[in-house]
Amino acid sequence: MSQSCVSMSVASNSRVSPCDCLAHRFGNAGDHPDRIPCYVSDMTDAEWQVLRWSLPVPAWLQGRGGRPEGYCHRVMLDAVRYVVDNGIKWANLPQDFPPYRRVHAFARRWQVTGLLAELHDRLRDRVREKEGRRTDPTAAIVDSQSVRAAANIPRSTSGWDGGKKVGGRKRHVAVDCLGLVLAVLVTAASVQDRHAAVPLLTRLRQQYFSIRLVWADSGYAGRLVDWAAEKLRLTLEIVKRSDDTTGFVVLPRRWVVERTLSWLVRSRRLVRDVETLPETHEAMVLWSMTMLMNARLAGRRRDAFLTRPAAPAPCRR
């Protein structure tokens, strides 16, 4: 359920705030001072208005348990965006954000309960509608990217990619024809693409029954093509590079997913895998794409700086 569909007569005891998030209207977010956006990763007012009406309703507001949230949704989302965009530790959040344990619990709760995936899918549908596409895609492109792992990554979920000479993990993504993420799967770097494609395509089929065609590179060739056609009723088309081609060549369809992988590494949290759990890395991919789609809908460039508010004049006696 979207926050735009919520109409409740619950009143908060907190003071009046210019923010219109549900935590301010029905929660206890007004007990904390308002924060002034000042970082590049902070949402502009236009981005907030786009995101505001796509936010899912928290469980405590639907009467499904939990206490009312004590911090502004916009501030909490800006804090998570700061971590994803700058790649810092949770404990190194600036002091103008809420305590890092609360921010981490907020991000973890949204990941586990599916609120993050719901927000991501709503933004993707809006981008597709803006581009004149149907919300249900009919084709996808799959590929993988290996990233180095930090020292805290367990050996059971990491490995060595002999082709790319990278030790760590590998993220497998399926995107639509616009480059928007449809499904993501994180495995050890030693897992072959055709082996990881089995759970990835299965997840893709379960979430999007309208997809009929999937493009992939030669790493997915072989028995996987017959398996996808028999088990999932998907046409897996291999886009191969010709033998007489030299140098850099843009291959049909494959460049779309390659561009998406380059979008992801713009978020420093995804340049190197520092997440203990692979599921957390998958959530970081969704957070990164959420930032990109939100900026696209609001008409803002990701590298545009915010205008800092003017400092108050010094008091003179």
C-alpha atoms as a PDB file:
ATOM      1  CA  MET A   1       0.000   0.000   0.000  1.00  0.00           C
ATOM      2  CA  SER A   2       1.287   3.444  -0.888  1.00  0.00           C
ATOM      3  CA  GLN A   3       1.409   6.284   1.589  1.00  0.00           C
ATOM      4  CA  SER A   4      -0.894   8.275  -0.701  1.00  0.00           C
ATOM      5  CA  CYS A   5      -3.678   5.786   0.102  1.00  0.00           C
ATOM      6  CA  VAL A   6      -3.456   6.258   3.864  1.00  0.00           C
ATOM      7  CA  SER A   7      -6.064   8.412   5.530  1.00  0.00           C
ATOM      8  CA  MET A   8      -6.149   8.157   9.290  1.00  0.00           C
ATOM      9  CA  SER A   9      -7.480  10.277  12.100  1.00  0.00           C
ATOM     10  CA  VAL A  10      -4.531   9.545  14.356  1.00  0.00           C
ATOM     11  CA  ALA A  11      -2.927  12.673  15.714  1.00  0.00           C
ATOM     12  CA  SER A  12       0.611  13.005  16.949  1.00  0.00           C
ATOM     13  CA  ASN A  13       1.615  14.766  20.131  1.00  0.00           C
ATOM     14  CA  SER A  14       4.751  16.122  18.466  1.00  0.00           C
ATOM     15  CA  ARG A  15       5.203  19.694  17.399  1.00  0.00           C
ATOM     16  CA  VAL A  16       4.246  20.868  13.934  1.00  0.00           C
ATOM     17  CA  SER A  17       6.975  20.305  11.332  1.00  0.00           C
ATOM     18  CA  PRO A  18       7.203  21.354   7.674  1.00  0.00           C
ATOM     19  CA  CYS A  19       7.895  17.711   6.732  1.00  0.00           C
ATOM     20  CA  ASP A  20       4.838  15.739   5.581  1.00  0.00           C
ATOM     21  CA  CYS A  21       6.154  12.195   6.084  1.00  0.00           C
ATOM     22  CA  LEU A  22       4.077   9.679   8.026  1.00  0.00           C
ATOM     23  CA  ALA A  23       6.565   9.647  10.898  1.00  0.00           C
ATOM     24  CA  HIS A  24       5.885  13.359  11.412  1.00  0.00           C
ATOM     25  CA  ARG A  25       2.139  13.173  10.843  1.00  0.00           C
ATOM     26  CA  PHE A  26       1.357  10.088  12.911  1.00  0.00           C
ATOM     27  CA  GLY A  27       4.605   9.191  14.661  1.00  0.00           C
ATOM     28  CA  ASN A  28       7.021  10.878  17.042  1.00  0.00           C
ATOM     29  CA  ALA A  29       9.467  12.338  14.532  1.00  0.00           C
ATOM     30  CA  GLY A  30       8.517  15.860  15.575  1.00  0.00           C
ATOM     31  CA  ASP A  31      10.275  15.319  18.900  1.00  0.00           C
ATOM     32  CA  HIS A  32      13.635  15.728  17.131  1.00  0.00           C
ATOM     33  CA  PRO A  33      14.953  18.916  15.534  1.00  0.00           C
ATOM     34  CA  ASP A  34      14.601  19.364  11.798  1.00  0.00           C
ATOM     35  CA  ARG A  35      17.660  18.647   9.681  1.00  0.00           C
ATOM     36  CA  ILE A  36      18.841  20.877   6.837  1.00  0.00           C
ATOM     37  CA  PRO A  37      19.960  18.914   3.719  1.00  0.00           C
ATOM     38  CA  CYS A  38      23.563  19.769   2.895  1.00  0.00           C
ATOM     39  CA  TYR A  39      25.129  16.708   1.195  1.00  0.00           C
ATOM     40  CA  VAL A  40      25.149  15.680  -2.450  1.00  0.00           C
ATOM     41  CA  SER A  41      23.368  12.451  -1.577  1.00  0.00           C
ATOM     42  CA  ASP A  42      20.503  14.277   0.156  1.00  0.00           C
ATOM     43  CA  MET A  43      17.200  14.404  -1.651  1.00  0.00           C
ATOM     44  CA  THR A  44      16.067  17.692  -3.102  1.00  0.00           C
ATOM     45  CA  ASP A  45      12.507  18.864  -2.499  1.00  0.00           C
ATOM     46  CA  ALA A  46      11.568  17.645  -5.985  1.00  0.00           C
ATOM     47  CA  GLU A  47      13.051  14.203  -5.306  1.00  0.00           C
ATOM     48  CA  TRP A  48      11.247  13.989  -1.975  1.00  0.00           C
ATOM     49  CA  GLN A  49       7.901  14.806  -3.573  1.00  0.00           C
ATOM     50  CA  VAL A  50       8.508  12.045  -6.125  1.00  0.00           C
ATOM     51  CA  LEU A  51       9.523   9.540  -3.458  1.00  0.00           C
ATOM     52  CA  ARG A  52       6.928  10.644  -0.910  1.00  0.00           C
ATOM     53  CA  TRP A  53       3.986   9.176  -2.813  1.00  0.00           C
ATOM     54  CA  SER A  54       5.797   5.919  -3.595  1.00  0.00           C
ATOM     55  CA  LEU A  55       6.818   5.037  -0.048  1.00  0.00           C
ATOM     56  CA  PRO A  56       5.155   1.904   1.356  1.00  0.00           C
ATOM     57  CA  VAL A  57       3.148   2.184   4.548  1.00  0.00           C
ATOM     58  CA  PRO A  58       4.980   0.849   7.641  1.00  0.00           C
ATOM     59  CA  ALA A  59       3.454  -1.963   9.661  1.00  0.00           C
ATOM     60  CA  TRP A  60       2.837   0.136  12.779  1.00  0.00           C
ATOM     61  CA  LEU A  61       0.539   2.443  10.807  1.00  0.00           C
ATOM     62  CA  GLN A  62      -1.511  -0.482   9.515  1.00  0.00           C
ATOM     63  CA  GLY A  63      -2.069  -1.898  12.987  1.00  0.00           C
ATOM     64  CA  ARG A  64       0.236  -4.892  12.437  1.00  0.00           C
ATOM     65  CA  GLY A  65       2.472  -4.286  15.439  1.00  0.00           C
ATOM     66  CA  GLY A  66       5.458  -2.125  16.207  1.00  0.00           C
ATOM     67  CA  ARG A  67       5.769   1.285  17.769  1.00  0.00           C
ATOM     68  CA  PRO A  68       5.474   4.588  15.865  1.00  0.00           C
ATOM     69  CA  GLU A  69       8.729   5.670  14.311  1.00  0.00           C
ATOM     70  CA  GLY A  70      10.681   8.351  16.114  1.00  0.00           C
ATOM     71  CA  TYR A  71      12.671   9.792  13.216  1.00  0.00           C
ATOM     72  CA  CYS A  72      11.675  11.512  10.012  1.00  0.00           C
ATOM     73  CA  HIS A  73      11.453   9.217   6.980  1.00  0.00           C
ATOM     74  CA  ARG A  74      13.205  11.742   4.784  1.00  0.00           C
ATOM     75  CA  VAL A  75      16.094  12.059   7.231  1.00  0.00           C
ATOM     76  CA  MET A  76      16.425   8.284   7.583  1.00  0.00           C
ATOM     77  CA  LEU A  77      16.389   7.790   3.821  1.00  0.00           C
ATOM     78  CA  ASP A  78      18.997  10.529   3.385  1.00  0.00           C
ATOM     79  CA  ALA A  79      21.174   8.758   5.956  1.00  0.00           C
ATOM     80  CA  VAL A  80      20.950   5.438   4.085  1.00  0.00           C
ATOM     81  CA  ARG A  81      21.648   7.218   0.791  1.00  0.00           C
ATOM     82  CA  TYR A  82      24.721   8.820   2.371  1.00  0.00           C
ATOM     83  CA  VAL A  83      26.118   5.398   3.290  1.00  0.00           C
ATOM     84  CA  VAL A  84      25.394   3.926  -0.151  1.00  0.00           C
ATOM     85  CA  ASP A  85      26.729   6.906  -2.081  1.00  0.00           C
ATOM     86  CA  ASN A  86      29.904   7.463  -0.044  1.00  0.00           C
ATOM     87  CA  GLY A  87      30.665   3.883   0.990  1.00  0.00           C
ATOM     88  CA  ILE A  88      31.383   4.698   4.644  1.00  0.00           C
ATOM     89  CA  LYS A  89      30.855   2.551   7.705  1.00  0.00           C
ATOM     90  CA  TRP A  90      27.517   2.857   9.454  1.00  0.00           C
ATOM     91  CA  ALA A  91      29.296   4.075  12.579  1.00  0.00           C
ATOM     92  CA  ASN A  92      30.838   6.957  10.618  1.00  0.00           C
ATOM     93  CA  LEU A  93      27.569   8.695   9.803  1.00  0.00           C
ATOM     94  CA  PRO A  94      27.749  12.469  10.376  1.00  0.00           C
ATOM     95  CA  GLN A  95      26.260  13.748  13.592  1.00  0.00           C
ATOM     96  CA  ASP A  96      23.433  15.637  11.904  1.00  0.00           C
ATOM     97  CA  PHE A  97      21.849  12.261  11.083  1.00  0.00           C
ATOM     98  CA  PRO A  98      20.078  10.053  13.658  1.00  0.00           C
ATOM     99  CA  PRO A  99      22.211   7.547  15.609  1.00  0.00           C
ATOM    100  CA  TYR A 100      23.782   5.044  13.242  1.00  0.00           C
ATOM    101  CA  ARG A 101      22.265   2.059  15.034  1.00  0.00           C
ATOM    102  CA  ARG A 102      18.785   3.434  14.371  1.00  0.00           C
ATOM    103  CA  VAL A 103      19.626   4.095  10.720  1.00  0.00           C
ATOM    104  CA  HIS A 104      21.074   0.595  10.272  1.00  0.00           C
ATOM    105  CA  ALA A 105      18.014  -0.947  11.934  1.00  0.00           C
ATOM    106  CA  PHE A 106      15.787   1.099   9.622  1.00  0.00           C
ATOM    107  CA  ALA A 107      17.622  -0.111   6.489  1.00  0.00           C
ATOM    108  CA  ARG A 108      17.705  -3.700   7.748  1.00  0.00           C
ATOM    109  CA  ARG A 109      13.983  -3.650   8.568  1.00  0.00           C
ATOM    110  CA  TRP A 110      13.099  -2.345   5.115  1.00  0.00           C
ATOM    111  CA  GLN A 111      15.226  -5.074   3.542  1.00  0.00           C
ATOM    112  CA  VAL A 112      13.780  -7.962   5.566  1.00  0.00           C
ATOM    113  CA  THR A 113      10.126  -6.903   5.342  1.00  0.00           C
ATOM    114  CA  GLY A 114      10.273  -6.257   1.603  1.00  0.00           C
ATOM    115  CA  LEU A 115       9.581  -2.520   1.826  1.00  0.00           C
ATOM    116  CA  LEU A 116      12.785  -1.733  -0.081  1.00  0.00           C
ATOM    117  CA  ALA A 117      11.901  -4.050  -2.956  1.00  0.00           C
ATOM    118  CA  GLU A 118       8.391  -2.597  -3.036  1.00  0.00           C
ATOM    119  CA  LEU A 119       9.719   0.960  -3.218  1.00  0.00           C
ATOM    120  CA  HIS A 120      12.233  -0.012  -5.913  1.00  0.00           C
ATOM    121  CA  ASP A 121       9.571  -1.696  -8.049  1.00  0.00           C
ATOM    122  CA  ARG A 122       7.212   1.274  -7.780  1.00  0.00           C
ATOM    123  CA  LEU A 123       9.888   3.699  -8.916  1.00  0.00           C
ATOM    124  CA  ARG A 124      10.843   1.402 -11.796  1.00  0.00           C
ATOM    125  CA  ASP A 125       7.216   1.240 -12.935  1.00  0.00           C
ATOM    126  CA  ARG A 126       7.004   5.033 -12.882  1.00  0.00           C
ATOM    127  CA  VAL A 127      10.187   5.371 -14.929  1.00  0.00           C
ATOM    128  CA  ARG A 128       8.892   2.881 -17.486  1.00  0.00           C
ATOM    129  CA  GLU A 129       5.606   4.763 -17.751  1.00  0.00           C
ATOM    130  CA  LYS A 130       7.478   8.029 -18.177  1.00  0.00           C
ATOM    131  CA  GLU A 131       9.470   6.490 -21.039  1.00  0.00           C
ATOM    132  CA  GLY A 132       6.294   5.267 -22.726  1.00  0.00           C
ATOM    133  CA  ARG A 133       6.744   1.604 -21.761  1.00  0.00           C
ATOM    134  CA  ARG A 134       4.361  -0.799 -20.096  1.00  0.00           C
ATOM    135  CA  THR A 135       4.990  -1.537 -16.446  1.00  0.00           C
ATOM    136  CA  ASP A 136       5.344  -5.271 -17.162  1.00  0.00           C
ATOM    137  CA  PRO A 137       8.513  -5.938 -19.202  1.00  0.00           C
ATOM    138  CA  THR A 138       8.570  -8.585 -21.910  1.00  0.00           C
ATOM    139  CA  ALA A 139      12.356  -8.901 -22.383  1.00  0.00           C
ATOM    140  CA  ALA A 140      15.436  -8.808 -20.168  1.00  0.00           C
ATOM    141  CA  ILE A 141      19.232  -8.841 -20.379  1.00  0.00           C
ATOM    142  CA  VAL A 142      21.447 -10.714 -17.909  1.00  0.00           C
ATOM    143  CA  ASP A 143      25.110 -10.338 -17.037  1.00  0.00           C
ATOM    144  CA  SER A 144      27.459 -10.470 -14.048  1.00  0.00           C
ATOM    145  CA  GLN A 145      30.160  -8.355 -12.423  1.00  0.00           C
ATOM    146  CA  SER A 146      32.900  -9.498 -10.056  1.00  0.00           C
ATOM    147  CA  VAL A 147      33.998  -7.231  -7.201  1.00  0.00           C
ATOM    148  CA  ARG A 148      36.734  -7.604  -4.631  1.00  0.00           C
ATOM    149  CA  ALA A 149      35.714  -8.574  -1.130  1.00  0.00           C
ATOM    150  CA  ALA A 150      36.787  -6.997   2.128  1.00  0.00           C
ATOM    151  CA  ALA A 151      38.500  -8.938   4.898  1.00  0.00           C
ATOM    152  CA  ASN A 152      35.255  -9.420   6.831  1.00  0.00           C
ATOM    153  CA  ILE A 153      33.619 -11.453   4.056  1.00  0.00           C
ATOM    154  CA  PRO A 154      33.256 -15.149   5.027  1.00  0.00           C
ATOM    155  CA  ARG A 155      35.151 -17.603   2.867  1.00  0.00           C
ATOM    156  CA  SER A 156      31.959 -19.642   2.462  1.00  0.00           C
ATOM    157  CA  THR A 157      30.372 -16.851   0.389  1.00  0.00           C
ATOM    158  CA  SER A 158      33.446 -15.641  -1.522  1.00  0.00           C
ATOM    159  CA  GLY A 159      35.707 -17.154  -4.158  1.00  0.00           C
ATOM    160  CA  TRP A 160      38.146 -16.555  -6.993  1.00  0.00           C
ATOM    161  CA  ASP A 161      37.061 -15.519 -10.475  1.00  0.00           C
ATOM    162  CA  GLY A 162      39.707 -17.055 -12.708  1.00  0.00           C
ATOM    163  CA  GLY A 163      38.591 -15.166 -15.793  1.00  0.00           C
ATOM    164  CA  LYS A 164      38.594 -11.675 -14.279  1.00  0.00           C
ATOM    165  CA  LYS A 165      41.368 -12.436 -11.763  1.00  0.00           C
ATOM    166  CA  VAL A 166      39.225 -11.090  -8.944  1.00  0.00           C
ATOM    167  CA  GLY A 167      38.762 -12.606  -5.518  1.00  0.00           C
ATOM    168  CA  GLY A 168      35.481 -11.838  -3.829  1.00  0.00           C
ATOM    169  CA  ARG A 169      31.877 -11.973  -4.920  1.00  0.00           C
ATOM    170  CA  LYS A 170      29.930 -11.731  -8.131  1.00  0.00           C
ATOM    171  CA  ARG A 171      26.643  -9.909  -8.591  1.00  0.00           C
ATOM    172  CA  HIS A 172      24.330 -11.237 -11.288  1.00  0.00           C
ATOM    173  CA  VAL A 173      21.695  -8.816 -12.554  1.00  0.00           C
ATOM    174  CA  ALA A 174      18.761  -8.996 -14.919  1.00  0.00           C
ATOM    175  CA  VAL A 175      17.642  -5.665 -16.371  1.00  0.00           C
ATOM    176  CA  ASP A 176      14.924  -4.512 -18.745  1.00  0.00           C
ATOM    177  CA  CYS A 177      15.509  -2.748 -22.054  1.00  0.00           C
ATOM    178  CA  LEU A 178      15.936   0.568 -20.220  1.00  0.00           C
ATOM    179  CA  GLY A 179      18.667  -0.823 -17.966  1.00  0.00           C
ATOM    180  CA  LEU A 180      16.504  -0.902 -14.836  1.00  0.00           C
ATOM    181  CA  VAL A 181      17.137  -3.799 -12.464  1.00  0.00           C
ATOM    182  CA  LEU A 182      14.541  -6.569 -12.454  1.00  0.00           C
ATOM    183  CA  ALA A 183      16.378  -9.146 -10.340  1.00  0.00           C
ATOM    184  CA  VAL A 184      19.737  -9.357  -8.594  1.00  0.00           C
ATOM    185  CA  LEU A 185      21.633 -12.293  -7.123  1.00  0.00           C
ATOM    186  CA  VAL A 186      24.971 -12.194  -5.269  1.00  0.00           C
ATOM    187  CA  THR A 187      27.166 -15.294  -5.177  1.00  0.00           C
ATOM    188  CA  ALA A 188      30.804 -16.177  -4.702  1.00  0.00           C
ATOM    189  CA  ALA A 189      33.036 -15.022  -7.551  1.00  0.00           C
ATOM    190  CA  SER A 190      33.930 -18.639  -8.298  1.00  0.00           C
ATOM    191  CA  VAL A 191      30.349 -19.463  -9.359  1.00  0.00           C
ATOM    192  CA  GLN A 192      29.994 -19.695 -13.136  1.00  0.00           C
ATOM    193  CA  ASP A 193      27.490 -17.456 -14.869  1.00  0.00           C
ATOM    194  CA  ARG A 194      25.485 -20.348 -16.306  1.00  0.00           C
ATOM    195  CA  HIS A 195      25.171 -21.931 -12.851  1.00  0.00           C
ATOM    196  CA  ALA A 196      24.056 -18.710 -11.159  1.00  0.00           C
ATOM    197  CA  ALA A 197      21.619 -18.071 -14.006  1.00  0.00           C
ATOM    198  CA  VAL A 198      19.416 -20.944 -12.826  1.00  0.00           C
ATOM    199  CA  PRO A 199      18.241 -19.250  -9.592  1.00  0.00           C
ATOM    200  CA  LEU A 200      18.412 -15.808 -11.235  1.00  0.00           C
ATOM    201  CA  LEU A 201      16.126 -16.752 -14.121  1.00  0.00           C
ATOM    202  CA  THR A 202      13.861 -18.661 -11.761  1.00  0.00           C
ATOM    203  CA  ARG A 203      13.496 -15.570  -9.602  1.00  0.00           C
ATOM    204  CA  LEU A 204      12.927 -13.488 -12.730  1.00  0.00           C
ATOM    205  CA  ARG A 205      10.164 -15.804 -13.937  1.00  0.00           C
ATOM    206  CA  GLN A 206       8.432 -15.850 -10.549  1.00  0.00           C
ATOM    207  CA  GLN A 207       8.334 -12.058 -10.329  1.00  0.00           C
ATOM    208  CA  TYR A 208       7.641 -11.194 -13.977  1.00  0.00           C
ATOM    209  CA  PHE A 209       5.545 -13.754 -15.816  1.00  0.00           C
ATOM    210  CA  SER A 210       5.278 -11.401 -18.819  1.00  0.00           C
ATOM    211  CA  ILE A 211       8.946 -11.872 -19.780  1.00  0.00           C
ATOM    212  CA  ARG A 212       9.440 -14.116 -22.797  1.00  0.00           C
ATOM    213  CA  LEU A 213      12.911 -13.231 -24.151  1.00  0.00           C
ATOM    214  CA  VAL A 214      16.267 -12.948 -22.376  1.00  0.00           C
ATOM    215  CA  TRP A 215      19.536 -11.827 -24.003  1.00  0.00           C
ATOM    216  CA  ALA A 216      22.893 -12.977 -22.627  1.00  0.00           C
ATOM    217  CA  ASP A 217      26.536 -13.355 -23.623  1.00  0.00           C
ATOM    218  CA  SER A 218      28.361 -16.547 -24.546  1.00  0.00           C
ATOM    219  CA  GLY A 219      29.002 -17.364 -20.889  1.00  0.00           C
ATOM    220  CA  TYR A 220      25.380 -18.493 -20.636  1.00  0.00           C
ATOM    221  CA  ALA A 221      25.481 -20.751 -23.700  1.00  0.00           C
ATOM    222  CA  GLY A 222      25.050 -24.509 -23.527  1.00  0.00           C
ATOM    223  CA  ARG A 223      22.449 -26.598 -21.744  1.00  0.00           C
ATOM    224  CA  LEU A 224      21.106 -23.510 -19.984  1.00  0.00           C
ATOM    225  CA  VAL A 225      19.337 -22.448 -23.194  1.00  0.00           C
ATOM    226  CA  ASP A 226      17.384 -25.718 -23.379  1.00  0.00           C
ATOM    227  CA  TRP A 227      16.701 -25.692 -19.621  1.00  0.00           C
ATOM    228  CA  ALA A 228      15.266 -22.160 -19.733  1.00  0.00           C
ATOM    229  CA  ALA A 229      13.004 -23.056 -22.650  1.00  0.00           C
ATOM    230  CA  GLU A 230      11.779 -26.290 -21.058  1.00  0.00           C
ATOM    231  CA  LYS A 231      11.438 -25.329 -17.395  1.00  0.00           C
ATOM    232  CA  LEU A 232      10.749 -21.587 -17.508  1.00  0.00           C
ATOM    233  CA  ARG A 233       9.446 -21.125 -21.057  1.00  0.00           C
ATOM    234  CA  LEU A 234      12.021 -18.417 -21.664  1.00  0.00           C
ATOM    235  CA  THR A 235      13.824 -17.858 -24.947  1.00  0.00           C
ATOM    236  CA  LEU A 236      17.478 -17.371 -24.022  1.00  0.00           C
ATOM    237  CA  GLU A 237      19.194 -15.689 -26.982  1.00  0.00           C
ATOM    238  CA  ILE A 238      23.003 -15.602 -26.944  1.00  0.00           C
ATOM    239  CA  VAL A 239      24.548 -12.428 -28.355  1.00  0.00           C
ATOM    240  CA  LYS A 240      28.009 -13.480 -29.511  1.00  0.00           C
ATOM    241  CA  ARG A 241      31.004 -11.433 -30.521  1.00  0.00           C
ATOM    242  CA  SER A 242      32.253 -12.211 -34.019  1.00  0.00           C
ATOM    243  CA  ASP A 243      35.705 -13.796 -34.304  1.00  0.00           C
ATOM    244  CA  ASP A 244      37.023 -11.240 -36.793  1.00  0.00           C
ATOM    245  CA  THR A 245      36.179  -8.264 -34.552  1.00  0.00           C
ATOM    246  CA  THR A 246      39.074  -6.380 -32.971  1.00  0.00           C
ATOM    247  CA  GLY A 247      39.014  -3.632 -30.379  1.00  0.00           C
ATOM    248  CA  PHE A 248      35.977  -2.249 -28.588  1.00  0.00           C
ATOM    249  CA  VAL A 249      32.650  -2.957 -30.263  1.00  0.00           C
ATOM    250  CA  VAL A 250      29.183  -2.165 -28.943  1.00  0.00           C
ATOM    251  CA  LEU A 251      27.211  -5.404 -29.066  1.00  0.00           C
ATOM    252  CA  PRO A 252      23.427  -5.353 -29.526  1.00  0.00           C
ATOM    253  CA  ARG A 253      21.432  -5.489 -26.271  1.00  0.00           C
ATOM    254  CA  ARG A 254      24.465  -6.402 -24.167  1.00  0.00           C
ATOM    255  CA  TRP A 255      25.502  -2.760 -23.841  1.00  0.00           C
ATOM    256  CA  VAL A 256      22.312  -2.085 -21.842  1.00  0.00           C
ATOM    257  CA  VAL A 257      23.265  -4.313 -18.929  1.00  0.00           C
ATOM    258  CA  GLU A 258      26.895  -3.181 -19.140  1.00  0.00           C
ATOM    259  CA  ARG A 259      25.700   0.381 -18.671  1.00  0.00           C
ATOM    260  CA  THR A 260      23.694  -0.676 -15.630  1.00  0.00           C
ATOM    261  CA  LEU A 261      26.774  -2.273 -14.084  1.00  0.00           C
ATOM    262  CA  SER A 262      28.626   1.003 -14.600  1.00  0.00           C
ATOM    263  CA  TRP A 263      25.770   2.848 -12.905  1.00  0.00           C
ATOM    264  CA  LEU A 264      26.129   0.624  -9.851  1.00  0.00           C
ATOM    265  CA  VAL A 265      29.821   1.321  -9.306  1.00  0.00           C
ATOM    266  CA  ARG A 266      29.041   5.028  -9.091  1.00  0.00           C
ATOM    267  CA  SER A 267      27.850   4.183  -5.586  1.00  0.00           C
ATOM    268  CA  ARG A 268      31.012   3.684  -3.572  1.00  0.00           C
ATOM    269  CA  ARG A 269      29.380   1.110  -1.332  1.00  0.00           C
ATOM    270  CA  LEU A 270      29.239  -1.190  -4.386  1.00  0.00           C
ATOM    271  CA  VAL A 271      32.795  -0.647  -5.630  1.00  0.00           C
ATOM    272  CA  ARG A 272      33.982  -3.248  -3.129  1.00  0.00           C
ATOM    273  CA  ASP A 273      31.904  -5.822  -1.301  1.00  0.00           C
ATOM    274  CA  VAL A 274      31.968  -5.084   2.435  1.00  0.00           C
ATOM    275  CA  GLU A 275      28.667  -6.749   3.331  1.00  0.00           C
ATOM    276  CA  THR A 276      28.851  -9.870   5.472  1.00  0.00           C
ATOM    277  CA  LEU A 277      25.644 -11.292   4.004  1.00  0.00           C
ATOM    278  CA  PRO A 278      25.061 -11.564   0.251  1.00  0.00           C
ATOM    279  CA  GLU A 279      21.451 -10.493   0.817  1.00  0.00           C
ATOM    280  CA  THR A 280      22.676  -7.175   2.211  1.00  0.00           C
ATOM    281  CA  HIS A 281      24.730  -6.601  -0.938  1.00  0.00           C
ATOM    282  CA  GLU A 282      21.616  -7.242  -3.012  1.00  0.00           C
ATOM    283  CA  ALA A 283      19.793  -4.633  -0.912  1.00  0.00           C
ATOM    284  CA  MET A 284      22.574  -2.119  -1.581  1.00  0.00           C
ATOM    285  CA  VAL A 285      22.068  -2.647  -5.312  1.00  0.00           C
ATOM    286  CA  LEU A 286      18.381  -1.818  -4.884  1.00  0.00           C
ATOM    287  CA  TRP A 287      19.205   1.273  -2.819  1.00  0.00           C
ATOM    288  CA  SER A 288      21.599   2.478  -5.518  1.00  0.00           C
ATOM    289  CA  MET A 289      19.041   1.987  -8.278  1.00  0.00           C
ATOM    290  CA  THR A 290      16.393   3.691  -6.144  1.00  0.00           C
ATOM    291  CA  MET A 291      18.594   6.772  -5.932  1.00  0.00           C
ATOM    292  CA  LEU A 292      19.149   6.755  -9.686  1.00  0.00           C
ATOM    293  CA  MET A 293      15.488   6.339 -10.594  1.00  0.00           C
ATOM    294  CA  ASN A 294      14.365   8.934  -8.064  1.00  0.00           C
ATOM    295  CA  ALA A 295      16.786  11.474  -9.533  1.00  0.00           C
ATOM    296  CA  ARG A 296      15.627  10.638 -13.057  1.00  0.00           C
ATOM    297  CA  LEU A 297      11.964  11.158 -12.172  1.00  0.00           C
ATOM    298  CA  ALA A 298      12.756  14.461 -10.451  1.00  0.00           C
ATOM    299  CA  GLY A 299      14.939  15.681 -13.314  1.00  0.00           C
ATOM    300  CA  ARG A 300      18.100  15.961 -11.206  1.00  0.00           C
ATOM    301  CA  ARG A 301      21.604  14.854 -12.107  1.00  0.00           C
ATOM    302  CA  ARG A 302      23.240  12.579  -9.561  1.00  0.00           C
ATOM    303  CA  ASP A 303      26.387  14.719  -9.436  1.00  0.00           C
ATOM    304  CA  ALA A 304      24.563  18.021  -8.950  1.00  0.00           C
ATOM    305  CA  PHE A 305      25.463  19.778  -5.730  1.00  0.00           C
ATOM    306  CA  LEU A 306      22.888  21.092  -3.333  1.00  0.00           C
ATOM    307  CA  THR A 307      22.753  24.775  -2.528  1.00  0.00           C
ATOM    308  CA  ARG A 308      23.781  25.162   1.070  1.00  0.00           C
ATOM    309  CA  PRO A 309      21.639  27.513   3.144  1.00  0.00           C
ATOM    310  CA  ALA A 310      23.183  30.836   4.016  1.00  0.00           C
ATOM    311  CA  ALA A 311      24.841  30.959   7.424  1.00  0.00           C
ATOM    312  CA  PRO A 312      23.166  33.292   9.921  1.00  0.00           C
ATOM    313  CA  ALA A 313      24.808  36.645  10.440  1.00  0.00           C
ATOM    314  CA  PRO A 314      26.976  36.901  13.571  1.00  0.00           C
ATOM    315  CA  CYS A 315      25.401  38.647  16.505  1.00  0.00           C
ATOM    316  CA  ARG A 316      26.986  42.020  17.163  1.00  0.00           C
ATOM    317  CA  ARG A 317      26.466  44.041  20.270  1.00  0.00           C
END
